[in-house]
Amino acid sequence: MSASNQLVSVSPEELKFQFELDRQCFCDMKVANKTEHHVAFKVKTTSPKKYFVRPNTGVIQPWDSCVIRVTLQAQREYPPDMQCKDKFLLQSTIVAAHTDVDELPADTFNKDGERQIEECKLKVVYVTSSSPFGKSDDMLRGFGQSSDTNSVRSNSSGDENIMVQRLKDERDAALRQTAQLQQELDMLKRRRSRKSDPGLSFKFALLVGVIGIMVGFLLNLSLSSPPSPTE
Protein backbone atom coordinates (compact mmCIF):
# COMPACT_ATOMS: atom_id res chain seq x y z
CA MET A 1 0.00 0.00 0.00
CA SER A 2 1.21 3.51 -0.69
CA ALA A 3 -0.19 6.98 -0.20
CA SER A 4 -0.54 8.76 -3.52
CA ASN A 5 -1.75 11.86 -5.31
CA GLN A 6 -1.50 13.13 -8.86
CA LEU A 7 2.20 14.02 -8.76
CA VAL A 8 3.93 11.48 -6.53
CA SER A 9 3.35 8.22 -4.72
CA VAL A 10 4.66 7.76 -1.17
CA SER A 11 5.33 4.49 0.58
CA PRO A 12 4.86 3.34 3.24
CA GLU A 13 1.66 5.07 4.30
CA GLU A 14 2.90 5.42 7.88
CA LEU A 15 6.38 5.72 9.36
CA LYS A 16 7.22 2.84 11.69
CA PHE A 17 10.17 3.09 14.07
CA GLN A 18 11.67 0.21 16.07
CA PHE A 19 11.69 2.14 19.33
CA GLU A 20 14.51 1.61 21.84
CA LEU A 21 15.61 3.83 24.70
CA ASP A 22 18.83 5.84 24.19
CA ARG A 23 19.17 4.56 20.64
CA GLN A 24 18.53 6.11 17.24
CA CYS A 25 16.23 4.36 14.81
CA PHE A 26 15.12 5.21 11.30
CA CYS A 27 12.50 4.58 8.65
CA ASP A 28 12.95 4.90 4.89
CA MET A 29 10.26 6.55 2.78
CA LYS A 30 10.17 6.21 -1.02
CA VAL A 31 8.78 9.07 -3.10
CA ALA A 32 8.17 8.33 -6.80
CA ASN A 33 7.44 10.92 -9.47
CA LYS A 34 4.46 9.73 -11.53
CA THR A 35 4.59 12.48 -14.13
CA GLU A 36 6.63 13.64 -17.10
CA HIS A 37 7.53 16.83 -15.23
CA HIS A 38 10.20 17.67 -12.69
CA VAL A 39 8.63 17.59 -9.23
CA ALA A 40 10.02 19.31 -6.14
CA PHE A 41 9.22 17.99 -2.65
CA LYS A 42 9.62 19.15 0.92
CA VAL A 43 9.14 17.19 4.16
CA LYS A 44 7.78 18.82 7.31
CA THR A 45 7.05 17.40 10.76
CA THR A 46 5.22 18.52 13.88
CA SER A 47 8.31 17.60 15.99
CA PRO A 48 11.39 18.86 14.11
CA LYS A 49 13.68 18.48 17.15
CA LYS A 50 12.99 14.75 17.42
CA TYR A 51 13.63 13.78 13.79
CA PHE A 52 16.39 14.18 11.24
CA VAL A 53 15.18 14.03 7.62
CA ARG A 54 17.65 13.44 4.78
CA PRO A 55 16.99 14.90 2.30
CA ASN A 56 14.15 17.09 3.49
CA THR A 57 13.94 18.93 0.15
CA GLY A 58 14.69 17.77 -3.38
CA VAL A 59 13.74 17.61 -7.04
CA ILE A 60 12.74 14.31 -8.66
CA GLN A 61 13.16 13.86 -12.38
CA PRO A 62 10.28 12.50 -14.51
CA TRP A 63 9.35 8.90 -13.68
CA ASP A 64 12.21 8.74 -11.19
CA SER A 65 12.12 8.17 -7.42
CA CYS A 66 13.93 9.22 -4.26
CA VAL A 67 14.45 7.50 -0.90
CA ILE A 68 14.11 9.74 2.15
CA ARG A 69 15.55 8.55 5.45
CA VAL A 70 13.78 9.76 8.59
CA THR A 71 15.83 9.23 11.76
CA LEU A 72 14.30 9.33 15.22
CA GLN A 73 16.80 10.76 17.69
CA ALA A 74 17.60 8.74 20.82
CA GLN A 75 14.84 9.11 23.41
CA ARG A 76 15.36 8.87 27.16
CA GLU A 77 11.88 7.64 28.07
CA TYR A 78 9.00 5.70 26.55
CA PRO A 79 5.98 7.68 25.35
CA PRO A 80 2.70 7.05 27.23
CA ASP A 81 1.23 3.73 26.08
CA MET A 82 3.79 3.75 23.23
CA GLN A 83 1.47 6.06 21.32
CA CYS A 84 2.98 8.75 19.10
CA LYS A 85 1.09 11.86 18.00
CA ASP A 86 3.80 13.13 15.67
CA LYS A 87 2.85 13.77 12.05
CA PHE A 88 4.73 14.24 8.81
CA LEU A 89 3.69 16.25 5.78
CA LEU A 90 5.18 15.82 2.31
CA GLN A 91 4.49 18.67 -0.10
CA SER A 92 5.08 18.36 -3.85
CA THR A 93 4.78 20.70 -6.82
CA ILE A 94 5.85 20.89 -10.47
CA VAL A 95 8.95 22.96 -11.24
CA ALA A 96 10.77 23.94 -14.41
CA ALA A 97 12.82 21.31 -16.17
CA HIS A 98 16.39 20.80 -14.94
CA THR A 99 15.70 22.84 -11.80
CA ASP A 100 18.32 22.17 -9.13
CA VAL A 101 17.32 21.83 -5.47
CA ASP A 102 19.66 24.72 -4.61
CA GLU A 103 17.82 26.92 -7.12
CA LEU A 104 14.33 26.49 -5.63
CA PRO A 105 12.76 29.87 -4.74
CA ALA A 106 11.90 30.47 -1.09
CA ASP A 107 8.18 30.53 -1.90
CA THR A 108 8.15 27.27 -3.87
CA PHE A 109 5.86 25.56 -1.35
CA ASN A 110 3.86 28.64 -0.42
CA LYS A 111 0.14 27.91 -0.75
CA ASP A 112 -0.67 31.57 -1.22
CA GLY A 113 1.01 31.64 -4.62
CA GLU A 114 -0.28 30.52 -8.00
CA ARG A 115 1.64 27.26 -7.88
CA GLN A 116 -0.39 24.11 -7.19
CA ILE A 117 0.81 22.36 -4.03
CA GLU A 118 -0.16 18.76 -3.28
CA GLU A 119 0.18 17.33 0.22
CA CYS A 120 0.49 13.85 1.68
CA LYS A 121 0.11 13.33 5.43
CA LEU A 122 1.81 10.44 7.24
CA LYS A 123 1.48 9.41 10.86
CA VAL A 124 4.18 7.89 13.08
CA VAL A 125 3.99 4.49 14.76
CA TYR A 126 6.38 3.17 17.42
CA VAL A 127 6.91 -0.57 17.60
CA THR A 128 8.96 -2.58 20.09
CA SER A 129 10.57 -5.98 20.00
CA SER A 130 8.43 -8.83 21.33
CA SER A 131 11.32 -9.77 23.62
CA PRO A 132 13.19 -6.58 24.54
CA PHE A 133 16.62 -6.65 26.19
CA GLY A 134 16.52 -6.72 29.92
CA LYS A 135 13.32 -8.77 30.14
CA SER A 136 15.14 -11.94 31.14
CA ASP A 137 17.02 -10.07 33.89
CA ASP A 138 13.76 -8.71 35.28
CA MET A 139 12.30 -12.19 35.32
CA LEU A 140 15.31 -13.56 37.17
CA ARG A 141 15.12 -10.81 39.78
CA GLY A 142 11.39 -11.41 40.22
CA PHE A 143 11.76 -15.14 40.76
CA GLY A 144 14.92 -14.79 42.88
CA GLN A 145 16.56 -18.04 43.84
CA SER A 146 13.43 -20.04 42.96
CA SER A 147 14.31 -19.85 39.26
CA ASP A 148 15.72 -23.15 38.06
CA THR A 149 18.46 -23.88 35.51
CA ASN A 150 15.99 -24.55 32.69
CA SER A 151 14.44 -21.07 32.96
CA VAL A 152 17.90 -19.47 32.90
CA ARG A 153 18.82 -21.43 29.78
CA SER A 154 15.54 -20.45 28.14
CA ASN A 155 16.15 -16.77 28.83
CA SER A 156 19.73 -17.01 27.56
CA SER A 157 18.51 -18.65 24.37
CA GLY A 158 15.96 -15.89 23.93
CA ASP A 159 18.65 -13.23 24.33
CA GLU A 160 20.80 -14.97 21.73
CA ASN A 161 17.91 -14.99 19.26
CA ILE A 162 17.31 -11.32 19.90
CA MET A 163 21.01 -10.58 19.36
CA VAL A 164 20.99 -12.48 16.05
CA GLN A 165 17.90 -10.59 14.90
CA ARG A 166 19.46 -7.27 15.88
CA LEU A 167 22.62 -8.10 13.90
CA LYS A 168 20.45 -8.92 10.88
CA ASP A 169 18.58 -5.64 11.25
CA GLU A 170 21.85 -3.70 11.49
CA ARG A 171 23.15 -5.49 8.40
CA ASP A 172 20.00 -4.58 6.46
CA ALA A 173 20.27 -1.00 7.72
CA ALA A 174 23.87 -0.81 6.50
CA LEU A 175 22.81 -2.04 3.06
CA ARG A 176 20.04 0.55 2.87
CA GLN A 177 22.45 3.27 3.99
CA THR A 178 24.88 2.23 1.24
CA ALA A 179 22.11 2.42 -1.35
CA GLN A 180 21.10 5.86 -0.06
CA LEU A 181 24.67 7.15 -0.27
CA GLN A 182 25.01 5.80 -3.81
CA GLN A 183 21.80 7.59 -4.78
CA GLU A 184 23.07 10.86 -3.33
CA LEU A 185 26.40 10.38 -5.14
CA ASP A 186 24.59 9.90 -8.45
CA MET A 187 22.54 13.03 -7.75
CA LEU A 188 25.71 15.04 -7.08
CA LYS A 189 27.21 13.78 -10.33
CA ARG A 190 24.11 14.89 -12.24
CA ARG A 191 24.26 18.31 -10.60
CA ARG A 192 27.95 18.69 -11.45
CA SER A 193 27.36 17.69 -15.07
CA ARG A 194 24.49 20.20 -15.38
CA LYS A 195 26.51 22.99 -13.78
CA SER A 196 29.68 22.40 -15.82
CA ASP A 197 30.59 25.33 -18.08
CA PRO A 198 30.13 24.31 -21.75
CA GLY A 199 32.48 27.10 -22.79
CA LEU A 200 35.31 25.53 -20.84
CA SER A 201 35.66 22.63 -23.27
CA PHE A 202 35.71 25.05 -26.23
CA LYS A 203 38.40 27.19 -24.61
CA PHE A 204 40.48 24.13 -23.87
CA ALA A 205 40.14 22.89 -27.45
CA LEU A 206 41.09 26.33 -28.77
CA LEU A 207 44.17 26.42 -26.55
CA VAL A 208 45.24 22.97 -27.70
CA GLY A 209 44.76 24.05 -31.33
CA VAL A 210 46.92 27.17 -30.88
CA ILE A 211 49.67 25.15 -29.22
CA GLY A 212 49.51 22.62 -32.06
CA ILE A 213 49.88 25.35 -34.66
CA MET A 214 52.88 26.82 -32.85
CA VAL A 215 54.56 23.44 -32.51
CA GLY A 216 53.95 22.73 -36.21
CA PHE A 217 55.38 26.13 -37.19
CA LEU A 218 58.52 25.61 -35.12
CA LEU A 219 58.92 22.09 -36.50
CA ASN A 220 58.61 23.31 -40.10
CA LEU A 221 61.03 26.16 -39.35
CA SER A 222 63.62 23.76 -37.98
CA LEU A 223 63.28 21.42 -40.96
CA SER A 224 63.52 24.24 -43.49
CA SER A 225 66.65 25.78 -41.93
CA PRO A 226 69.80 25.13 -44.01
CA PRO A 227 72.27 22.71 -42.47
CA SER A 228 75.28 24.28 -40.84
CA PRO A 229 78.52 24.06 -42.86
CA THR A 230 80.89 21.31 -41.88
CA GLU A 231 84.61 21.16 -42.30
C-alpha atoms as a PDB file:
ATOM      1  CA  MET A   1       0.000   0.000   0.000  1.00  0.00           C
ATOM      2  CA  SER A   2       1.207   3.514  -0.694  1.00  0.00           C
ATOM      3  CA  ALA A   3      -0.186   6.978  -0.196  1.00  0.00           C
ATOM      4  CA  SER A   4      -0.542   8.762  -3.520  1.00  0.00           C
ATOM      5  CA  ASN A   5      -1.747  11.860  -5.312  1.00  0.00           C
ATOM      6  CA  GLN A   6      -1.503  13.127  -8.861  1.00  0.00           C
ATOM      7  CA  LEU A   7       2.200  14.019  -8.763  1.00  0.00           C
ATOM      8  CA  VAL A   8       3.931  11.477  -6.525  1.00  0.00           C
ATOM      9  CA  SER A   9       3.354   8.221  -4.723  1.00  0.00           C
ATOM     10  CA  VAL A  10       4.658   7.764  -1.173  1.00  0.00           C
ATOM     11  CA  SER A  11       5.333   4.489   0.578  1.00  0.00           C
ATOM     12  CA  PRO A  12       4.862   3.339   3.244  1.00  0.00           C
ATOM     13  CA  GLU A  13       1.655   5.067   4.300  1.00  0.00           C
ATOM     14  CA  GLU A  14       2.904   5.419   7.884  1.00  0.00           C
ATOM     15  CA  LEU A  15       6.382   5.716   9.361  1.00  0.00           C
ATOM     16  CA  LYS A  16       7.222   2.842  11.692  1.00  0.00           C
ATOM     17  CA  PHE A  17      10.171   3.086  14.072  1.00  0.00           C
ATOM     18  CA  GLN A  18      11.673   0.214  16.070  1.00  0.00           C
ATOM     19  CA  PHE A  19      11.692   2.142  19.331  1.00  0.00           C
ATOM     20  CA  GLU A  20      14.508   1.612  21.843  1.00  0.00           C
ATOM     21  CA  LEU A  21      15.612   3.832  24.703  1.00  0.00           C
ATOM     22  CA  ASP A  22      18.829   5.836  24.188  1.00  0.00           C
ATOM     23  CA  ARG A  23      19.170   4.558  20.639  1.00  0.00           C
ATOM     24  CA  GLN A  24      18.534   6.113  17.236  1.00  0.00           C
ATOM     25  CA  CYS A  25      16.232   4.357  14.806  1.00  0.00           C
ATOM     26  CA  PHE A  26      15.125   5.207  11.302  1.00  0.00           C
ATOM     27  CA  CYS A  27      12.501   4.580   8.651  1.00  0.00           C
ATOM     28  CA  ASP A  28      12.947   4.904   4.885  1.00  0.00           C
ATOM     29  CA  MET A  29      10.262   6.549   2.780  1.00  0.00           C
ATOM     30  CA  LYS A  30      10.170   6.211  -1.020  1.00  0.00           C
ATOM     31  CA  VAL A  31       8.780   9.066  -3.096  1.00  0.00           C
ATOM     32  CA  ALA A  32       8.166   8.325  -6.796  1.00  0.00           C
ATOM     33  CA  ASN A  33       7.442  10.919  -9.472  1.00  0.00           C
ATOM     34  CA  LYS A  34       4.459   9.732 -11.527  1.00  0.00           C
ATOM     35  CA  THR A  35       4.595  12.485 -14.133  1.00  0.00           C
ATOM     36  CA  GLU A  36       6.630  13.638 -17.099  1.00  0.00           C
ATOM     37  CA  HIS A  37       7.531  16.835 -15.225  1.00  0.00           C
ATOM     38  CA  HIS A  38      10.204  17.669 -12.694  1.00  0.00           C
ATOM     39  CA  VAL A  39       8.634  17.586  -9.227  1.00  0.00           C
ATOM     40  CA  ALA A  40      10.025  19.305  -6.135  1.00  0.00           C
ATOM     41  CA  PHE A  41       9.217  17.987  -2.653  1.00  0.00           C
ATOM     42  CA  LYS A  42       9.616  19.148   0.921  1.00  0.00           C
ATOM     43  CA  VAL A  43       9.142  17.191   4.162  1.00  0.00           C
ATOM     44  CA  LYS A  44       7.776  18.822   7.306  1.00  0.00           C
ATOM     45  CA  THR A  45       7.051  17.402  10.758  1.00  0.00           C
ATOM     46  CA  THR A  46       5.222  18.520  13.877  1.00  0.00           C
ATOM     47  CA  SER A  47       8.315  17.605  15.990  1.00  0.00           C
ATOM     48  CA  PRO A  48      11.387  18.860  14.114  1.00  0.00           C
ATOM     49  CA  LYS A  49      13.684  18.477  17.149  1.00  0.00           C
ATOM     50  CA  LYS A  50      12.988  14.748  17.416  1.00  0.00           C
ATOM     51  CA  TYR A  51      13.630  13.776  13.795  1.00  0.00           C
ATOM     52  CA  PHE A  52      16.387  14.180  11.241  1.00  0.00           C
ATOM     53  CA  VAL A  53      15.183  14.026   7.624  1.00  0.00           C
ATOM     54  CA  ARG A  54      17.651  13.443   4.779  1.00  0.00           C
ATOM     55  CA  PRO A  55      16.994  14.895   2.301  1.00  0.00           C
ATOM     56  CA  ASN A  56      14.149  17.087   3.487  1.00  0.00           C
ATOM     57  CA  THR A  57      13.939  18.928   0.151  1.00  0.00           C
ATOM     58  CA  GLY A  58      14.685  17.765  -3.379  1.00  0.00           C
ATOM     59  CA  VAL A  59      13.739  17.606  -7.037  1.00  0.00           C
ATOM     60  CA  ILE A  60      12.740  14.307  -8.660  1.00  0.00           C
ATOM     61  CA  GLN A  61      13.161  13.856 -12.382  1.00  0.00           C
ATOM     62  CA  PRO A  62      10.279  12.498 -14.513  1.00  0.00           C
ATOM     63  CA  TRP A  63       9.350   8.899 -13.683  1.00  0.00           C
ATOM     64  CA  ASP A  64      12.212   8.738 -11.185  1.00  0.00           C
ATOM     65  CA  SER A  65      12.124   8.172  -7.425  1.00  0.00           C
ATOM     66  CA  CYS A  66      13.925   9.216  -4.257  1.00  0.00           C
ATOM     67  CA  VAL A  67      14.449   7.505  -0.897  1.00  0.00           C
ATOM     68  CA  ILE A  68      14.113   9.740   2.146  1.00  0.00           C
ATOM     69  CA  ARG A  69      15.554   8.546   5.449  1.00  0.00           C
ATOM     70  CA  VAL A  70      13.780   9.757   8.593  1.00  0.00           C
ATOM     71  CA  THR A  71      15.835   9.229  11.763  1.00  0.00           C
ATOM     72  CA  LEU A  72      14.297   9.328  15.222  1.00  0.00           C
ATOM     73  CA  GLN A  73      16.801  10.763  17.694  1.00  0.00           C
ATOM     74  CA  ALA A  74      17.602   8.741  20.819  1.00  0.00           C
ATOM     75  CA  GLN A  75      14.838   9.106  23.409  1.00  0.00           C
ATOM     76  CA  ARG A  76      15.359   8.867  27.162  1.00  0.00           C
ATOM     77  CA  GLU A  77      11.880   7.636  28.068  1.00  0.00           C
ATOM     78  CA  TYR A  78       8.996   5.704  26.552  1.00  0.00           C
ATOM     79  CA  PRO A  79       5.976   7.681  25.355  1.00  0.00           C
ATOM     80  CA  PRO A  80       2.696   7.055  27.226  1.00  0.00           C
ATOM     81  CA  ASP A  81       1.230   3.726  26.085  1.00  0.00           C
ATOM     82  CA  MET A  82       3.785   3.750  23.232  1.00  0.00           C
ATOM     83  CA  GLN A  83       1.466   6.057  21.321  1.00  0.00           C
ATOM     84  CA  CYS A  84       2.979   8.753  19.103  1.00  0.00           C
ATOM     85  CA  LYS A  85       1.087  11.855  18.005  1.00  0.00           C
ATOM     86  CA  ASP A  86       3.805  13.131  15.674  1.00  0.00           C
ATOM     87  CA  LYS A  87       2.848  13.765  12.052  1.00  0.00           C
ATOM     88  CA  PHE A  88       4.735  14.236   8.807  1.00  0.00           C
ATOM     89  CA  LEU A  89       3.690  16.247   5.778  1.00  0.00           C
ATOM     90  CA  LEU A  90       5.183  15.820   2.311  1.00  0.00           C
ATOM     91  CA  GLN A  91       4.490  18.668  -0.105  1.00  0.00           C
ATOM     92  CA  SER A  92       5.075  18.359  -3.847  1.00  0.00           C
ATOM     93  CA  THR A  93       4.783  20.696  -6.819  1.00  0.00           C
ATOM     94  CA  ILE A  94       5.848  20.894 -10.465  1.00  0.00           C
ATOM     95  CA  VAL A  95       8.946  22.956 -11.238  1.00  0.00           C
ATOM     96  CA  ALA A  96      10.766  23.944 -14.408  1.00  0.00           C
ATOM     97  CA  ALA A  97      12.824  21.307 -16.170  1.00  0.00           C
ATOM     98  CA  HIS A  98      16.388  20.799 -14.943  1.00  0.00           C
ATOM     99  CA  THR A  99      15.700  22.840 -11.797  1.00  0.00           C
ATOM    100  CA  ASP A 100      18.318  22.167  -9.126  1.00  0.00           C
ATOM    101  CA  VAL A 101      17.322  21.834  -5.473  1.00  0.00           C
ATOM    102  CA  ASP A 102      19.659  24.722  -4.611  1.00  0.00           C
ATOM    103  CA  GLU A 103      17.824  26.922  -7.118  1.00  0.00           C
ATOM    104  CA  LEU A 104      14.334  26.494  -5.634  1.00  0.00           C
ATOM    105  CA  PRO A 105      12.758  29.866  -4.736  1.00  0.00           C
ATOM    106  CA  ALA A 106      11.904  30.465  -1.095  1.00  0.00           C
ATOM    107  CA  ASP A 107       8.180  30.533  -1.895  1.00  0.00           C
ATOM    108  CA  THR A 108       8.155  27.268  -3.871  1.00  0.00           C
ATOM    109  CA  PHE A 109       5.863  25.560  -1.353  1.00  0.00           C
ATOM    110  CA  ASN A 110       3.864  28.639  -0.419  1.00  0.00           C
ATOM    111  CA  LYS A 111       0.139  27.914  -0.747  1.00  0.00           C
ATOM    112  CA  ASP A 112      -0.670  31.570  -1.224  1.00  0.00           C
ATOM    113  CA  GLY A 113       1.010  31.643  -4.618  1.00  0.00           C
ATOM    114  CA  GLU A 114      -0.276  30.525  -8.004  1.00  0.00           C
ATOM    115  CA  ARG A 115       1.643  27.264  -7.879  1.00  0.00           C
ATOM    116  CA  GLN A 116      -0.388  24.115  -7.186  1.00  0.00           C
ATOM    117  CA  ILE A 117       0.815  22.364  -4.028  1.00  0.00           C
ATOM    118  CA  GLU A 118      -0.159  18.764  -3.281  1.00  0.00           C
ATOM    119  CA  GLU A 119       0.185  17.327   0.216  1.00  0.00           C
ATOM    120  CA  CYS A 120       0.491  13.854   1.678  1.00  0.00           C
ATOM    121  CA  LYS A 121       0.115  13.333   5.428  1.00  0.00           C
ATOM    122  CA  LEU A 122       1.805  10.445   7.239  1.00  0.00           C
ATOM    123  CA  LYS A 123       1.484   9.408  10.862  1.00  0.00           C
ATOM    124  CA  VAL A 124       4.176   7.885  13.083  1.00  0.00           C
ATOM    125  CA  VAL A 125       3.986   4.488  14.764  1.00  0.00           C
ATOM    126  CA  TYR A 126       6.376   3.174  17.416  1.00  0.00           C
ATOM    127  CA  VAL A 127       6.911  -0.574  17.601  1.00  0.00           C
ATOM    128  CA  THR A 128       8.965  -2.577  20.094  1.00  0.00           C
ATOM    129  CA  SER A 129      10.575  -5.984  20.005  1.00  0.00           C
ATOM    130  CA  SER A 130       8.425  -8.827  21.330  1.00  0.00           C
ATOM    131  CA  SER A 131      11.319  -9.771  23.624  1.00  0.00           C
ATOM    132  CA  PRO A 132      13.191  -6.582  24.540  1.00  0.00           C
ATOM    133  CA  PHE A 133      16.621  -6.653  26.190  1.00  0.00           C
ATOM    134  CA  GLY A 134      16.525  -6.717  29.925  1.00  0.00           C
ATOM    135  CA  LYS A 135      13.321  -8.770  30.137  1.00  0.00           C
ATOM    136  CA  SER A 136      15.139 -11.944  31.144  1.00  0.00           C
ATOM    137  CA  ASP A 137      17.023 -10.068  33.890  1.00  0.00           C
ATOM    138  CA  ASP A 138      13.762  -8.706  35.276  1.00  0.00           C
ATOM    139  CA  MET A 139      12.300 -12.187  35.318  1.00  0.00           C
ATOM    140  CA  LEU A 140      15.305 -13.560  37.168  1.00  0.00           C
ATOM    141  CA  ARG A 141      15.119 -10.812  39.775  1.00  0.00           C
ATOM    142  CA  GLY A 142      11.391 -11.408  40.216  1.00  0.00           C
ATOM    143  CA  PHE A 143      11.759 -15.137  40.758  1.00  0.00           C
ATOM    144  CA  GLY A 144      14.916 -14.788  42.877  1.00  0.00           C
ATOM    145  CA  GLN A 145      16.558 -18.041  43.841  1.00  0.00           C
ATOM    146  CA  SER A 146      13.431 -20.038  42.962  1.00  0.00           C
ATOM    147  CA  SER A 147      14.314 -19.853  39.257  1.00  0.00           C
ATOM    148  CA  ASP A 148      15.721 -23.151  38.058  1.00  0.00           C
ATOM    149  CA  THR A 149      18.456 -23.876  35.510  1.00  0.00           C
ATOM    150  CA  ASN A 150      15.986 -24.549  32.691  1.00  0.00           C
ATOM    151  CA  SER A 151      14.438 -21.074  32.965  1.00  0.00           C
ATOM    152  CA  VAL A 152      17.903 -19.474  32.896  1.00  0.00           C
ATOM    153  CA  ARG A 153      18.816 -21.425  29.780  1.00  0.00           C
ATOM    154  CA  SER A 154      15.538 -20.446  28.145  1.00  0.00           C
ATOM    155  CA  ASN A 155      16.153 -16.770  28.831  1.00  0.00           C
ATOM    156  CA  SER A 156      19.733 -17.009  27.560  1.00  0.00           C
ATOM    157  CA  SER A 157      18.514 -18.646  24.371  1.00  0.00           C
ATOM    158  CA  GLY A 158      15.960 -15.888  23.932  1.00  0.00           C
ATOM    159  CA  ASP A 159      18.651 -13.227  24.333  1.00  0.00           C
ATOM    160  CA  GLU A 160      20.799 -14.968  21.727  1.00  0.00           C
ATOM    161  CA  ASN A 161      17.905 -14.994  19.261  1.00  0.00           C
ATOM    162  CA  ILE A 162      17.313 -11.321  19.900  1.00  0.00           C
ATOM    163  CA  MET A 163      21.009 -10.584  19.357  1.00  0.00           C
ATOM    164  CA  VAL A 164      20.994 -12.481  16.052  1.00  0.00           C
ATOM    165  CA  GLN A 165      17.899 -10.590  14.903  1.00  0.00           C
ATOM    166  CA  ARG A 166      19.465  -7.274  15.882  1.00  0.00           C
ATOM    167  CA  LEU A 167      22.616  -8.095  13.903  1.00  0.00           C
ATOM    168  CA  LYS A 168      20.454  -8.921  10.879  1.00  0.00           C
ATOM    169  CA  ASP A 169      18.582  -5.638  11.255  1.00  0.00           C
ATOM    170  CA  GLU A 170      21.848  -3.697  11.486  1.00  0.00           C
ATOM    171  CA  ARG A 171      23.148  -5.490   8.395  1.00  0.00           C
ATOM    172  CA  ASP A 172      20.000  -4.575   6.457  1.00  0.00           C
ATOM    173  CA  ALA A 173      20.269  -1.005   7.720  1.00  0.00           C
ATOM    174  CA  ALA A 174      23.867  -0.805   6.500  1.00  0.00           C
ATOM    175  CA  LEU A 175      22.806  -2.037   3.063  1.00  0.00           C
ATOM    176  CA  ARG A 176      20.036   0.549   2.869  1.00  0.00           C
ATOM    177  CA  GLN A 177      22.446   3.273   3.985  1.00  0.00           C
ATOM    178  CA  THR A 178      24.880   2.230   1.236  1.00  0.00           C
ATOM    179  CA  ALA A 179      22.114   2.419  -1.354  1.00  0.00           C
ATOM    180  CA  GLN A 180      21.098   5.859  -0.060  1.00  0.00           C
ATOM    181  CA  LEU A 181      24.669   7.150  -0.269  1.00  0.00           C
ATOM    182  CA  GLN A 182      25.006   5.797  -3.805  1.00  0.00           C
ATOM    183  CA  GLN A 183      21.798   7.587  -4.782  1.00  0.00           C
ATOM    184  CA  GLU A 184      23.075  10.863  -3.326  1.00  0.00           C
ATOM    185  CA  LEU A 185      26.399  10.380  -5.138  1.00  0.00           C
ATOM    186  CA  ASP A 186      24.587   9.903  -8.449  1.00  0.00           C
ATOM    187  CA  MET A 187      22.539  13.027  -7.746  1.00  0.00           C
ATOM    188  CA  LEU A 188      25.712  15.045  -7.079  1.00  0.00           C
ATOM    189  CA  LYS A 189      27.209  13.779 -10.328  1.00  0.00           C
ATOM    190  CA  ARG A 190      24.109  14.886 -12.240  1.00  0.00           C
ATOM    191  CA  ARG A 191      24.263  18.313 -10.603  1.00  0.00           C
ATOM    192  CA  ARG A 192      27.946  18.687 -11.454  1.00  0.00           C
ATOM    193  CA  SER A 193      27.358  17.694 -15.073  1.00  0.00           C
ATOM    194  CA  ARG A 194      24.494  20.205 -15.382  1.00  0.00           C
ATOM    195  CA  LYS A 195      26.508  22.990 -13.782  1.00  0.00           C
ATOM    196  CA  SER A 196      29.676  22.400 -15.821  1.00  0.00           C
ATOM    197  CA  ASP A 197      30.586  25.333 -18.081  1.00  0.00           C
ATOM    198  CA  PRO A 198      30.131  24.312 -21.752  1.00  0.00           C
ATOM    199  CA  GLY A 199      32.483  27.095 -22.795  1.00  0.00           C
ATOM    200  CA  LEU A 200      35.313  25.527 -20.838  1.00  0.00           C
ATOM    201  CA  SER A 201      35.660  22.629 -23.265  1.00  0.00           C
ATOM    202  CA  PHE A 202      35.707  25.047 -26.235  1.00  0.00           C
ATOM    203  CA  LYS A 203      38.400  27.193 -24.606  1.00  0.00           C
ATOM    204  CA  PHE A 204      40.478  24.126 -23.870  1.00  0.00           C
ATOM    205  CA  ALA A 205      40.143  22.885 -27.446  1.00  0.00           C
ATOM    206  CA  LEU A 206      41.091  26.331 -28.774  1.00  0.00           C
ATOM    207  CA  LEU A 207      44.168  26.422 -26.547  1.00  0.00           C
ATOM    208  CA  VAL A 208      45.242  22.969 -27.704  1.00  0.00           C
ATOM    209  CA  GLY A 209      44.760  24.053 -31.332  1.00  0.00           C
ATOM    210  CA  VAL A 210      46.925  27.165 -30.878  1.00  0.00           C
ATOM    211  CA  ILE A 211      49.672  25.148 -29.218  1.00  0.00           C
ATOM    212  CA  GLY A 212      49.505  22.623 -32.056  1.00  0.00           C
ATOM    213  CA  ILE A 213      49.884  25.354 -34.661  1.00  0.00           C
ATOM    214  CA  MET A 214      52.879  26.821 -32.845  1.00  0.00           C
ATOM    215  CA  VAL A 215      54.561  23.442 -32.510  1.00  0.00           C
ATOM    216  CA  GLY A 216      53.946  22.733 -36.211  1.00  0.00           C
ATOM    217  CA  PHE A 217      55.377  26.126 -37.191  1.00  0.00           C
ATOM    218  CA  LEU A 218      58.520  25.607 -35.118  1.00  0.00           C
ATOM    219  CA  LEU A 219      58.924  22.087 -36.499  1.00  0.00           C
ATOM    220  CA  ASN A 220      58.609  23.307 -40.104  1.00  0.00           C
ATOM    221  CA  LEU A 221      61.030  26.157 -39.351  1.00  0.00           C
ATOM    222  CA  SER A 222      63.624  23.757 -37.976  1.00  0.00           C
ATOM    223  CA  LEU A 223      63.282  21.423 -40.957  1.00  0.00           C
ATOM    224  CA  SER A 224      63.522  24.238 -43.493  1.00  0.00           C
ATOM    225  CA  SER A 225      66.647  25.779 -41.928  1.00  0.00           C
ATOM    226  CA  PRO A 226      69.801  25.131 -44.009  1.00  0.00           C
ATOM    227  CA  PRO A 227      72.269  22.711 -42.466  1.00  0.00           C
ATOM    228  CA  SER A 228      75.285  24.282 -40.844  1.00  0.00           C
ATOM    229  CA  PRO A 229      78.519  24.056 -42.860  1.00  0.00           C
ATOM    230  CA  THR A 230      80.886  21.315 -41.883  1.00  0.00           C
ATOM    231  CA  GLU A 231      84.611  21.159 -42.301  1.00  0.00           C
END
